[in-house]
Amino acid sequence: DCKQEPLEEHKAKVIKFTNPKTGLEAYLNLP
C-alpha cells in the first residue's frame, strides 16, 4: 500500500514512493 508520488521540483529518472502508514519515503530508479 505504498503510494507513488510525483516529483514536483525536477524531472528525474526515479519514482518516489511514500508509505502513508509511516510517512517514510524512498526512491526507485526508472525504467
PDB file of all heavy atoms in Angstrom:
ATOM      1  N   ASP A   1       0.795  -1.232   0.000  1.00  0.00           N
ATOM      2  CA  ASP A   1       0.000   0.000   0.000  1.00  0.00           C
ATOM      3  C   ASP A   1       0.827   1.282   0.000  1.00  0.00           C
ATOM      4  O   ASP A   1       0.354   2.332   0.449  1.00  0.00           O
ATOM      5  CB  ASP A   1      -0.987   0.019   1.173  1.00  0.00           C
ATOM      6  CG  ASP A   1      -1.980  -1.119   1.091  1.00  0.00           C
ATOM      7  OD1 ASP A   1      -2.387  -1.460  -0.036  1.00  0.00           O
ATOM      8  OD2 ASP A   1      -2.346  -1.671   2.150  1.00  0.00           O
ATOM      9  N   CYS A   2       2.062   1.204  -0.481  1.00  0.00           N
ATOM     10  CA  CYS A   2       2.851   2.420  -0.652  1.00  0.00           C
ATOM     11  C   CYS A   2       2.352   3.130  -1.903  1.00  0.00           C
ATOM     12  O   CYS A   2       1.907   2.495  -2.852  1.00  0.00           O
ATOM     13  CB  CYS A   2       4.333   2.089  -0.772  1.00  0.00           C
ATOM     14  SG  CYS A   2       5.010   1.416   0.760  1.00  0.00           S
ATOM     15  N   LYS A   3       2.409   4.429  -1.873  1.00  0.00           N
ATOM     16  CA  LYS A   3       1.874   5.237  -2.966  1.00  0.00           C
ATOM     17  C   LYS A   3       2.996   5.853  -3.790  1.00  0.00           C
ATOM     18  O   LYS A   3       3.995   6.317  -3.253  1.00  0.00           O
ATOM     19  CB  LYS A   3       0.995   6.363  -2.406  1.00  0.00           C
ATOM     20  CG  LYS A   3      -0.138   5.877  -1.538  1.00  0.00           C
ATOM     21  CD  LYS A   3      -1.114   5.056  -2.322  1.00  0.00           C
ATOM     22  CE  LYS A   3      -2.230   4.580  -1.401  1.00  0.00           C
ATOM     23  NZ  LYS A   3      -2.942   3.450  -1.950  1.00  0.00           N
ATOM     24  N   GLN A   4       2.793   5.847  -5.088  1.00  0.00           N
ATOM     25  CA  GLN A   4       3.731   6.502  -5.995  1.00  0.00           C
ATOM     26  C   GLN A   4       3.404   7.993  -5.997  1.00  0.00           C
ATOM     27  O   GLN A   4       2.257   8.381  -6.165  1.00  0.00           O
ATOM     28  CB  GLN A   4       3.596   5.909  -7.386  1.00  0.00           C
ATOM     29  CG  GLN A   4       4.603   6.418  -8.359  1.00  0.00           C
ATOM     30  CD  GLN A   4       4.499   5.700  -9.693  1.00  0.00           C
ATOM     31  OE1 GLN A   4       4.024   4.587  -9.782  1.00  0.00           O
ATOM     32  NE2 GLN A   4       4.946   6.363 -10.729  1.00  0.00           N
ATOM     33  N   GLU A   5       4.411   8.820  -5.770  1.00  0.00           N
ATOM     34  CA  GLU A   5       4.224  10.262  -5.680  1.00  0.00           C
ATOM     35  C   GLU A   5       4.942  10.964  -6.825  1.00  0.00           C
ATOM     36  O   GLU A   5       6.013  10.536  -7.240  1.00  0.00           O
ATOM     37  CB  GLU A   5       4.790  10.785  -4.357  1.00  0.00           C
ATOM     38  CG  GLU A   5       4.155  10.183  -3.125  1.00  0.00           C
ATOM     39  CD  GLU A   5       2.785  10.735  -2.825  1.00  0.00           C
ATOM     40  OE1 GLU A   5       2.519  11.884  -3.220  1.00  0.00           O
ATOM     41  OE2 GLU A   5       1.979  10.019  -2.217  1.00  0.00           O
ATOM     42  N   PRO A   6       4.399  12.067  -7.295  1.00  0.00           N
ATOM     43  CA  PRO A   6       5.107  12.837  -8.330  1.00  0.00           C
ATOM     44  C   PRO A   6       6.282  13.609  -7.731  1.00  0.00           C
ATOM     45  O   PRO A   6       6.277  13.961  -6.558  1.00  0.00           O
ATOM     46  CB  PRO A   6       4.035  13.801  -8.842  1.00  0.00           C
ATOM     47  CG  PRO A   6       3.077  13.938  -7.704  1.00  0.00           C
ATOM     48  CD  PRO A   6       3.100  12.625  -6.970  1.00  0.00           C
ATOM     49  N   LEU A   7       7.272  13.852  -8.545  1.00  0.00           N
ATOM     50  CA  LEU A   7       8.394  14.694  -8.150  1.00  0.00           C
ATOM     51  C   LEU A   7       8.065  16.108  -8.609  1.00  0.00           C
ATOM     52  O   LEU A   7       7.951  16.368  -9.801  1.00  0.00           O
ATOM     53  CB  LEU A   7       9.689  14.211  -8.794  1.00  0.00           C
ATOM     54  CG  LEU A   7      10.168  12.832  -8.361  1.00  0.00           C
ATOM     55  CD1 LEU A   7      11.386  12.422  -9.175  1.00  0.00           C
ATOM     56  CD2 LEU A   7      10.517  12.828  -6.885  1.00  0.00           C
ATOM     57  N   GLU A   8       7.901  17.015  -7.669  1.00  0.00           N
ATOM     58  CA  GLU A   8       7.446  18.359  -8.005  1.00  0.00           C
ATOM     59  C   GLU A   8       8.543  19.244  -8.588  1.00  0.00           C
ATOM     60  O   GLU A   8       8.337  19.955  -9.550  1.00  0.00           O
ATOM     61  CB  GLU A   8       6.879  19.063  -6.757  1.00  0.00           C
ATOM     62  CG  GLU A   8       5.675  18.383  -6.148  1.00  0.00           C
ATOM     63  CD  GLU A   8       6.045  17.410  -5.046  1.00  0.00           C
ATOM     64  OE1 GLU A   8       7.131  17.540  -4.470  1.00  0.00           O
ATOM     65  OE2 GLU A   8       5.242  16.509  -4.783  1.00  0.00           O
ATOM     66  N   GLU A   9       9.713  19.238  -7.988  1.00  0.00           N
ATOM     67  CA  GLU A   9      10.729  20.229  -8.305  1.00  0.00           C
ATOM     68  C   GLU A   9      11.484  19.975  -9.599  1.00  0.00           C
ATOM     69  O   GLU A   9      11.869  20.902 -10.276  1.00  0.00           O
ATOM     70  CB  GLU A   9      11.725  20.321  -7.152  1.00  0.00           C
ATOM     71  CG  GLU A   9      11.084  20.839  -5.877  1.00  0.00           C
ATOM     72  CD  GLU A   9      12.072  20.909  -4.744  1.00  0.00           C
ATOM     73  OE1 GLU A   9      13.289  20.861  -5.014  1.00  0.00           O
ATOM     74  OE2 GLU A   9      11.641  21.000  -3.606  1.00  0.00           O
ATOM     75  N   HIS A  10      11.722  18.738  -9.931  1.00  0.00           N
ATOM     76  CA  HIS A  10      12.524  18.452 -11.118  1.00  0.00           C
ATOM     77  C   HIS A  10      12.093  17.126 -11.720  1.00  0.00           C
ATOM     78  O   HIS A  10      11.440  16.327 -11.073  1.00  0.00           O
ATOM     79  CB  HIS A  10      14.005  18.403 -10.759  1.00  0.00           C
ATOM     80  CG  HIS A  10      14.323  17.368  -9.726  1.00  0.00           C
ATOM     81  ND1 HIS A  10      14.118  17.567  -8.389  1.00  0.00           N
ATOM     82  CD2 HIS A  10      14.812  16.117  -9.836  1.00  0.00           C
ATOM     83  CE1 HIS A  10      14.473  16.496  -7.719  1.00  0.00           C
ATOM     84  NE2 HIS A  10      14.897  15.594  -8.569  1.00  0.00           N
ATOM     85  N   LYS A  11      12.461  16.959 -12.937  1.00  0.00           N
ATOM     86  CA  LYS A  11      12.182  15.697 -13.601  1.00  0.00           C
ATOM     87  C   LYS A  11      13.435  14.847 -13.514  1.00  0.00           C
ATOM     88  O   LYS A  11      14.501  15.249 -13.964  1.00  0.00           O
ATOM     89  CB  LYS A  11      11.794  15.917 -15.057  1.00  0.00           C
ATOM     90  CG  LYS A  11      10.475  16.629 -15.202  1.00  0.00           C
ATOM     91  CD  LYS A  11      10.115  16.799 -16.655  1.00  0.00           C
ATOM     92  CE  LYS A  11       8.802  17.532 -16.780  1.00  0.00           C
ATOM     93  NZ  LYS A  11       8.406  17.744 -18.163  1.00  0.00           N
ATOM     94  N   ALA A  12      13.304  13.707 -12.920  1.00  0.00           N
ATOM     95  CA  ALA A  12      14.433  12.804 -12.773  1.00  0.00           C
ATOM     96  C   ALA A  12      13.999  11.415 -13.209  1.00  0.00           C
ATOM     97  O   ALA A  12      12.810  11.136 -13.332  1.00  0.00           O
ATOM     98  CB  ALA A  12      14.898  12.791 -11.323  1.00  0.00           C
ATOM     99  N   LYS A  13      14.969  10.574 -13.401  1.00  0.00           N
ATOM    100  CA  LYS A  13      14.674   9.212 -13.822  1.00  0.00           C
ATOM    101  C   LYS A  13      14.489   8.310 -12.614  1.00  0.00           C
ATOM    102  O   LYS A  13      15.111   7.266 -12.489  1.00  0.00           O
ATOM    103  CB  LYS A  13      15.780   8.700 -14.730  1.00  0.00           C
ATOM    104  CG  LYS A  13      15.844   9.473 -16.029  1.00  0.00           C
ATOM    105  CD  LYS A  13      16.901   8.930 -16.948  1.00  0.00           C
ATOM    106  CE  LYS A  13      16.892   9.719 -18.239  1.00  0.00           C
ATOM    107  NZ  LYS A  13      17.818   9.203 -19.216  1.00  0.00           N
ATOM    108  N   VAL A  14      13.634   8.762 -11.683  1.00  0.00           N
ATOM    109  CA  VAL A  14      13.310   7.995 -10.484  1.00  0.00           C
ATOM    110  C   VAL A  14      11.826   8.139 -10.177  1.00  0.00           C
ATOM    111  O   VAL A  14      11.161   9.047 -10.653  1.00  0.00           O
ATOM    112  CB  VAL A  14      14.121   8.460  -9.248  1.00  0.00           C
ATOM    113  CG1 VAL A  14      15.600   8.220  -9.434  1.00  0.00           C
ATOM    114  CG2 VAL A  14      13.846   9.902  -8.921  1.00  0.00           C
ATOM    115  N   ILE A  15      11.327   7.203  -9.368  1.00  0.00           N
ATOM    116  CA  ILE A  15       9.968   7.255  -8.855  1.00  0.00           C
ATOM    117  C   ILE A  15      10.069   7.429  -7.348  1.00  0.00           C
ATOM    118  O   ILE A  15      10.866   6.760  -6.691  1.00  0.00           O
ATOM    119  CB  ILE A  15       9.204   5.947  -9.152  1.00  0.00           C
ATOM    120  CG1 ILE A  15       9.053   5.730 -10.641  1.00  0.00           C
ATOM    121  CG2 ILE A  15       7.837   5.965  -8.486  1.00  0.00           C
ATOM    122  CD1 ILE A  15       8.437   4.390 -10.983  1.00  0.00           C
ATOM    123  N   LYS A  16       9.257   8.301  -6.812  1.00  0.00           N
ATOM    124  CA  LYS A  16       9.200   8.493  -5.370  1.00  0.00           C
ATOM    125  C   LYS A  16       8.019   7.696  -4.823  1.00  0.00           C
ATOM    126  O   LYS A  16       6.910   7.777  -5.351  1.00  0.00           O
ATOM    127  CB  LYS A  16       9.016   9.975  -5.035  1.00  0.00           C
ATOM    128  CG  LYS A  16       8.873  10.259  -3.567  1.00  0.00           C
ATOM    129  CD  LYS A  16       8.641  11.748  -3.332  1.00  0.00           C
ATOM    130  CE  LYS A  16       8.408  12.066  -1.886  1.00  0.00           C
ATOM    131  NZ  LYS A  16       8.134  13.499  -1.687  1.00  0.00           N
ATOM    132  N   PHE A  17       8.284   6.917  -3.771  1.00  0.00           N
ATOM    133  CA  PHE A  17       7.233   6.180  -3.082  1.00  0.00           C
ATOM    134  C   PHE A  17       7.127   6.693  -1.661  1.00  0.00           C
ATOM    135  O   PHE A  17       8.139   7.011  -1.037  1.00  0.00           O
ATOM    136  CB  PHE A  17       7.554   4.683  -3.025  1.00  0.00           C
ATOM    137  CG  PHE A  17       7.378   3.983  -4.334  1.00  0.00           C
ATOM    138  CD1 PHE A  17       8.472   3.720  -5.135  1.00  0.00           C
ATOM    139  CD2 PHE A  17       6.130   3.583  -4.768  1.00  0.00           C
ATOM    140  CE1 PHE A  17       8.326   3.071  -6.344  1.00  0.00           C
ATOM    141  CE2 PHE A  17       5.973   2.940  -5.985  1.00  0.00           C
ATOM    142  CZ  PHE A  17       7.070   2.675  -6.773  1.00  0.00           C
ATOM    143  N   THR A  18       5.910   6.763  -1.143  1.00  0.00           N
ATOM    144  CA  THR A  18       5.703   7.078   0.264  1.00  0.00           C
ATOM    145  C   THR A  18       4.822   6.000   0.875  1.00  0.00           C
ATOM    146  O   THR A  18       3.971   5.422   0.197  1.00  0.00           O
ATOM    147  CB  THR A  18       5.038   8.447   0.469  1.00  0.00           C
ATOM    148  OG1 THR A  18       3.804   8.473  -0.237  1.00  0.00           O
ATOM    149  CG2 THR A  18       5.922   9.574  -0.005  1.00  0.00           C
ATOM    150  N   ASN A  19       5.067   5.741   2.142  1.00  0.00           N
ATOM    151  CA  ASN A  19       4.241   4.810   2.888  1.00  0.00           C
ATOM    152  C   ASN A  19       3.294   5.651   3.727  1.00  0.00           C
ATOM    153  O   ASN A  19       3.724   6.285   4.688  1.00  0.00           O
ATOM    154  CB  ASN A  19       5.114   3.920   3.772  1.00  0.00           C
ATOM    155  CG  ASN A  19       4.320   2.850   4.476  1.00  0.00           C
ATOM    156  OD1 ASN A  19       3.110   2.971   4.641  1.00  0.00           O
ATOM    157  ND2 ASN A  19       4.991   1.802   4.898  1.00  0.00           N
ATOM    158  N   PRO A  20       1.998   5.682   3.388  1.00  0.00           N
ATOM    159  CA  PRO A  20       1.068   6.534   4.125  1.00  0.00           C
ATOM    160  C   PRO A  20       0.911   6.137   5.596  1.00  0.00           C
ATOM    161  O   PRO A  20       0.554   6.957   6.423  1.00  0.00           O
ATOM    162  CB  PRO A  20      -0.254   6.393   3.372  1.00  0.00           C
ATOM    163  CG  PRO A  20      -0.085   5.313   2.393  1.00  0.00           C
ATOM    164  CD  PRO A  20       1.354   4.975   2.290  1.00  0.00           C
ATOM    165  N   LYS A  21       1.231   4.892   5.917  1.00  0.00           N
ATOM    166  CA  LYS A  21       1.102   4.436   7.303  1.00  0.00           C
ATOM    167  C   LYS A  21       2.218   4.992   8.190  1.00  0.00           C
ATOM    168  O   LYS A  21       2.015   5.221   9.370  1.00  0.00           O
ATOM    169  CB  LYS A  21       1.138   2.910   7.356  1.00  0.00           C
ATOM    170  CG  LYS A  21      -0.019   2.256   6.628  1.00  0.00           C
ATOM    171  CD  LYS A  21       0.140   0.762   6.600  1.00  0.00           C
ATOM    172  CE  LYS A  21      -0.926   0.139   5.721  1.00  0.00           C
ATOM    173  NZ  LYS A  21      -0.689  -1.285   5.499  1.00  0.00           N
ATOM    174  N   THR A  22       3.397   5.189   7.608  1.00  0.00           N
ATOM    175  CA  THR A  22       4.549   5.613   8.399  1.00  0.00           C
ATOM    176  C   THR A  22       5.064   7.002   8.018  1.00  0.00           C
ATOM    177  O   THR A  22       5.828   7.594   8.764  1.00  0.00           O
ATOM    178  CB  THR A  22       5.717   4.627   8.224  1.00  0.00           C
ATOM    179  OG1 THR A  22       6.107   4.625   6.848  1.00  0.00           O
ATOM    180  CG2 THR A  22       5.332   3.225   8.663  1.00  0.00           C
ATOM    181  N   GLY A  23       4.683   7.487   6.830  1.00  0.00           N
ATOM    182  CA  GLY A  23       5.191   8.768   6.352  1.00  0.00           C
ATOM    183  C   GLY A  23       6.599   8.674   5.781  1.00  0.00           C
ATOM    184  O   GLY A  23       7.196   9.686   5.420  1.00  0.00           O
ATOM    185  N   LEU A  24       7.150   7.469   5.679  1.00  0.00           N
ATOM    186  CA  LEU A  24       8.505   7.283   5.165  1.00  0.00           C
ATOM    187  C   LEU A  24       8.495   7.294   3.641  1.00  0.00           C
ATOM    188  O   LEU A  24       7.479   7.013   3.012  1.00  0.00           O
ATOM    189  CB  LEU A  24       9.082   5.965   5.692  1.00  0.00           C
ATOM    190  CG  LEU A  24       9.180   5.862   7.215  1.00  0.00           C
ATOM    191  CD1 LEU A  24       9.580   4.455   7.627  1.00  0.00           C
ATOM    192  CD2 LEU A  24      10.154   6.878   7.757  1.00  0.00           C
ATOM    193  N   GLU A  25       9.660   7.602   3.041  1.00  0.00           N
ATOM    194  CA  GLU A  25       9.746   7.659   1.584  1.00  0.00           C
ATOM    195  C   GLU A  25      11.039   7.033   1.084  1.00  0.00           C
ATOM    196  O   GLU A  25      12.021   6.933   1.811  1.00  0.00           O
ATOM    197  CB  GLU A  25       9.635   9.095   1.094  1.00  0.00           C
ATOM    198  CG  GLU A  25      10.737   9.999   1.571  1.00  0.00           C
ATOM    199  CD  GLU A  25      10.531  11.438   1.137  1.00  0.00           C
ATOM    200  OE1 GLU A  25       9.398  11.932   1.170  1.00  0.00           O
ATOM    201  OE2 GLU A  25      11.541  12.066   0.757  1.00  0.00           O
ATOM    202  N   ALA A  26      11.000   6.607  -0.182  1.00  0.00           N
ATOM    203  CA  ALA A  26      12.171   6.038  -0.845  1.00  0.00           C
ATOM    204  C   ALA A  26      12.019   6.274  -2.341  1.00  0.00           C
ATOM    205  O   ALA A  26      10.936   6.600  -2.829  1.00  0.00           O
ATOM    206  CB  ALA A  26      12.296   4.547  -0.550  1.00  0.00           C
ATOM    207  N   TYR A  27      13.118   6.105  -3.052  1.00  0.00           N
ATOM    208  CA  TYR A  27      13.147   6.345  -4.495  1.00  0.00           C
ATOM    209  C   TYR A  27      13.615   5.091  -5.224  1.00  0.00           C
ATOM    210  O   TYR A  27      14.495   4.384  -4.745  1.00  0.00           O
ATOM    211  CB  TYR A  27      14.089   7.506  -4.820  1.00  0.00           C
ATOM    212  CG  TYR A  27      13.620   8.808  -4.216  1.00  0.00           C
ATOM    213  CD1 TYR A  27      13.962   9.156  -2.912  1.00  0.00           C
ATOM    214  CD2 TYR A  27      12.821   9.668  -4.936  1.00  0.00           C
ATOM    215  CE1 TYR A  27      13.516  10.341  -2.348  1.00  0.00           C
ATOM    216  CE2 TYR A  27      12.370  10.865  -4.393  1.00  0.00           C
ATOM    217  CZ  TYR A  27      12.726  11.187  -3.093  1.00  0.00           C
ATOM    218  OH  TYR A  27      12.279  12.360  -2.538  1.00  0.00           O
ATOM    219  N   LEU A  28      13.032   4.844  -6.391  1.00  0.00           N
ATOM    220  CA  LEU A  28      13.384   3.709  -7.236  1.00  0.00           C
ATOM    221  C   LEU A  28      13.727   4.238  -8.620  1.00  0.00           C
ATOM    222  O   LEU A  28      12.985   5.049  -9.181  1.00  0.00           O
ATOM    223  CB  LEU A  28      12.215   2.724  -7.314  1.00  0.00           C
ATOM    224  CG  LEU A  28      12.388   1.489  -8.173  1.00  0.00           C
ATOM    225  CD1 LEU A  28      13.537   0.617  -7.671  1.00  0.00           C
ATOM    226  CD2 LEU A  28      11.094   0.674  -8.215  1.00  0.00           C
ATOM    227  N   ASN A  29      14.852   3.782  -9.157  1.00  0.00           N
ATOM    228  CA  ASN A  29      15.288   4.224 -10.487  1.00  0.00           C
ATOM    229  C   ASN A  29      14.363   3.719 -11.586  1.00  0.00           C
ATOM    230  O   ASN A  29      13.795   2.636 -11.490  1.00  0.00           O
ATOM    231  CB  ASN A  29      16.707   3.726 -10.782  1.00  0.00           C
ATOM    232  CG  ASN A  29      17.742   4.406  -9.929  1.00  0.00           C
ATOM    233  OD1 ASN A  29      17.567   5.529  -9.495  1.00  0.00           O
ATOM    234  ND2 ASN A  29      18.832   3.714  -9.685  1.00  0.00           N
ATOM    235  N   LEU A  30      14.245   4.513 -12.623  1.00  0.00           N
ATOM    236  CA  LEU A  30      13.497   4.134 -13.818  1.00  0.00           C
ATOM    237  C   LEU A  30      14.469   3.624 -14.865  1.00  0.00           C
ATOM    238  O   LEU A  30      15.653   3.934 -14.787  1.00  0.00           O
ATOM    239  CB  LEU A  30      12.745   5.345 -14.372  1.00  0.00           C
ATOM    240  CG  LEU A  30      11.563   5.833 -13.551  1.00  0.00           C
ATOM    241  CD1 LEU A  30      11.026   7.122 -14.156  1.00  0.00           C
ATOM    242  CD2 LEU A  30      10.472   4.793 -13.505  1.00  0.00           C
ATOM    243  N   PRO A  31      14.074   2.909 -15.854  1.00  0.00           N
ATOM    244  CA  PRO A  31      12.727   2.416 -16.102  1.00  0.00           C
ATOM    245  C   PRO A  31      12.417   1.190 -15.244  1.00  0.00           C
ATOM    246  O   PRO A  31      13.327   0.543 -14.731  1.00  0.00           O
ATOM    247  CB  PRO A  31      12.754   2.057 -17.584  1.00  0.00           C
ATOM    248  CG  PRO A  31      14.160   1.635 -17.841  1.00  0.00           C
ATOM    249  CD  PRO A  31      15.001   2.519 -16.938  1.00  0.00           C
TER     250      PRO A  31
END
